[in-house]
N, C-alpha and C. Protein backbone atom coordinates (compact mmCIF):
# COMPACT_ATOMS: atom_id res chain seq x y z
N MET A 1 209.58 222.24 151.38
CA MET A 1 209.40 223.57 150.03
C MET A 1 208.23 224.72 150.51
N PRO A 2 207.81 225.90 150.40
CA PRO A 2 207.12 226.71 150.47
C PRO A 2 205.89 226.53 149.56
N THR A 3 204.72 226.41 150.05
CA THR A 3 203.82 225.83 148.71
C THR A 3 202.73 226.66 149.19
N LEU A 4 201.88 227.53 147.77
CA LEU A 4 200.85 228.41 148.04
C LEU A 4 199.65 227.75 147.10
N LEU A 5 198.65 227.99 147.42
CA LEU A 5 197.32 226.91 147.30
C LEU A 5 196.41 228.49 147.29
N LEU A 6 196.24 229.07 146.12
CA LEU A 6 195.60 230.27 146.18
C LEU A 6 194.24 229.65 145.08
N TRP A 7 193.31 230.19 145.87
CA TRP A 7 191.78 229.33 145.78
C TRP A 7 190.56 230.76 145.03
N GLY A 8 189.42 230.15 144.77
CA GLY A 8 188.60 230.86 144.45
C GLY A 8 187.83 231.03 145.33
N GLU A 9 187.26 231.78 145.99
CA GLU A 9 185.78 232.03 146.60
C GLU A 9 184.84 230.72 146.44
N ARG A 10 184.49 230.63 145.10
CA ARG A 10 183.56 230.20 144.49
C ARG A 10 183.76 229.54 143.66
N ASP A 11 184.83 228.66 143.07
CA ASP A 11 185.38 227.86 142.54
C ASP A 11 184.28 226.25 142.58
N ALA A 12 183.62 226.28 141.47
CA ALA A 12 182.89 225.32 141.19
C ALA A 12 183.34 223.82 140.60
N ARG A 13 184.74 224.58 140.16
CA ARG A 13 185.24 223.06 139.33
C ARG A 13 186.35 222.37 140.51
N SER A 14 186.68 222.87 141.29
CA SER A 14 187.28 222.57 142.71
C SER A 14 187.19 223.30 143.80
N PRO A 15 185.95 222.88 143.80
CA PRO A 15 185.70 223.97 145.30
C PRO A 15 186.42 223.83 146.32
N LEU A 16 186.31 224.57 147.54
CA LEU A 16 187.22 224.82 149.02
C LEU A 16 187.30 223.57 149.32
N ASP A 17 186.42 222.33 149.46
CA ASP A 17 186.85 220.89 149.91
C ASP A 17 187.82 220.36 149.55
N VAL A 18 188.31 220.95 147.96
CA VAL A 18 189.69 220.19 147.81
C VAL A 18 190.53 221.54 148.22
N ALA A 19 190.65 222.45 148.23
CA ALA A 19 191.51 223.11 148.71
C ALA A 19 191.86 222.64 150.42
N TYR A 20 191.22 222.28 151.13
CA TYR A 20 191.34 222.29 152.71
C TYR A 20 192.10 220.99 152.57
N ALA A 21 191.55 219.56 151.65
CA ALA A 21 192.67 218.52 151.66
C ALA A 21 193.57 218.64 151.11
N PHE A 22 193.59 219.53 150.12
CA PHE A 22 195.35 219.57 149.38
C PHE A 22 196.59 220.48 150.97
N GLN A 23 195.87 221.35 151.45
CA GLN A 23 196.45 222.34 152.63
C GLN A 23 196.49 221.16 153.64
N GLU A 24 195.84 220.18 154.05
CA GLU A 24 196.52 219.17 155.24
C GLU A 24 197.34 218.33 154.68
N ALA A 25 196.92 217.80 153.19
CA ALA A 25 198.41 216.98 152.51
C ALA A 25 199.57 217.22 152.83
N ILE A 26 199.51 218.78 152.16
CA ILE A 26 200.80 219.32 152.13
C ILE A 26 201.69 220.19 153.38
N PRO A 27 202.44 219.62 153.65
CA PRO A 27 202.99 220.07 154.99
C PRO A 27 203.45 221.89 154.79
N HIS A 28 202.89 222.56 155.87
CA HIS A 28 203.11 224.12 156.00
C HIS A 28 202.76 224.63 154.71
N ALA A 29 201.57 224.39 153.87
CA ALA A 29 200.89 224.98 152.78
C ALA A 29 199.99 225.98 153.21
N GLU A 30 200.22 227.27 152.59
CA GLU A 30 199.61 228.47 152.65
C GLU A 30 198.43 228.64 151.72
N LEU A 31 197.21 228.14 152.17
CA LEU A 31 195.98 228.35 151.35
C LEU A 31 195.22 230.07 151.75
N VAL A 32 195.44 230.52 150.62
CA VAL A 32 194.51 232.00 150.23
C VAL A 32 192.94 231.83 149.41
N THR A 33 191.66 232.08 150.24
CA THR A 33 191.13 232.28 149.04
C THR A 33 191.00 233.68 148.64
N ILE A 34 190.67 233.95 147.55
CA ILE A 34 190.15 235.52 146.82
C ILE A 34 188.56 235.06 146.85
N PRO A 35 188.06 236.16 148.05
CA PRO A 35 186.61 236.44 147.41
C PRO A 35 185.89 236.37 146.31
N ALA A 36 184.75 236.02 145.97
CA ALA A 36 183.75 236.19 144.90
C ALA A 36 184.33 236.13 143.68
N VAL A 37 185.30 235.36 143.16
CA VAL A 37 186.09 234.27 142.10
C VAL A 37 185.74 232.63 142.53
N GLY A 38 185.78 232.20 140.59
CA GLY A 38 185.40 231.19 140.87
C GLY A 38 186.81 230.41 140.31
N HIS A 39 186.77 229.86 139.20
CA HIS A 39 188.20 228.49 138.74
C HIS A 39 189.11 229.45 138.57
N MET A 40 188.79 230.73 137.72
CA MET A 40 189.88 231.30 137.05
C MET A 40 190.57 232.57 137.95
N SER A 41 190.83 232.46 139.16
CA SER A 41 191.05 233.65 139.75
C SER A 41 191.76 234.68 139.35
N ASN A 42 192.88 233.86 138.81
CA ASN A 42 193.74 235.30 137.63
C ASN A 42 193.23 235.90 136.73
N LEU A 43 192.13 235.24 136.11
CA LEU A 43 191.40 236.45 135.30
C LEU A 43 190.44 237.09 135.34
N GLU A 44 189.55 236.17 136.79
CA GLU A 44 188.62 237.03 137.25
C GLU A 44 188.96 238.43 138.89
N ALA A 45 189.93 238.07 138.85
CA ALA A 45 190.83 239.23 140.04
C ALA A 45 192.14 238.93 139.60
N PRO A 46 192.89 239.49 138.23
CA PRO A 46 194.42 239.71 138.52
C PRO A 46 194.99 240.73 139.40
N GLU A 47 194.22 241.70 140.04
CA GLU A 47 195.20 241.99 141.37
C GLU A 47 195.49 241.70 142.15
N ALA A 48 194.47 240.94 142.74
CA ALA A 48 194.54 240.06 143.89
C ALA A 48 195.02 239.15 143.64
N PHE A 49 195.48 237.98 142.43
CA PHE A 49 195.80 237.47 142.37
C PHE A 49 197.57 237.37 142.38
N THR A 50 197.78 238.42 141.61
CA THR A 50 199.35 238.87 141.49
C THR A 50 199.70 239.66 142.92
N ALA A 51 198.67 240.33 143.73
CA ALA A 51 199.54 240.66 144.67
C ALA A 51 200.11 239.50 145.93
N THR A 52 198.77 238.75 145.52
CA THR A 52 198.89 237.21 146.84
C THR A 52 200.50 236.69 146.58
N VAL A 53 200.09 236.54 144.92
CA VAL A 53 201.64 235.77 144.35
C VAL A 53 202.87 236.55 144.75
N ARG A 54 203.18 237.77 144.28
CA ARG A 54 204.07 238.35 144.80
C ARG A 54 204.08 238.58 146.49
N ALA A 55 203.54 238.89 146.94
CA ALA A 55 203.76 238.74 148.25
C ALA A 55 204.42 237.25 149.40
N PHE A 56 203.62 236.12 148.72
CA PHE A 56 204.47 234.89 148.71
C PHE A 56 205.94 234.86 148.20
N CYS A 57 206.21 235.32 147.23
CA CYS A 57 207.31 234.85 146.54
C CYS A 57 208.05 235.82 147.49
N ARG A 58 207.90 237.23 148.20
CA ARG A 58 208.51 237.61 148.86
C ARG A 58 209.29 237.06 150.05
N ALA A 59 208.11 236.70 150.57
CA ALA A 59 208.08 235.86 151.92
C ALA A 59 209.06 234.58 152.31
N HIS A 60 208.98 234.13 150.97
CA HIS A 60 209.86 233.16 150.75
C HIS A 60 211.56 233.03 149.34
N ALA A 61 211.51 234.39 149.52
CA ALA A 61 212.89 234.43 148.57
C ALA A 61 214.36 234.22 149.60
């Protein structure tokens, strides 16, 4: 199953180490990091978040 891991670069609640562990545990998971945002990347960088989700959905339609 296609899996997108979308992470804020400055996420203190779930640091990038958690993202890397998820990526390693989920076969073929795609990790995308949004620069300069924290845990609420969809609110902190809505344009980047939405563009990433849309691109992923289109690629796996």
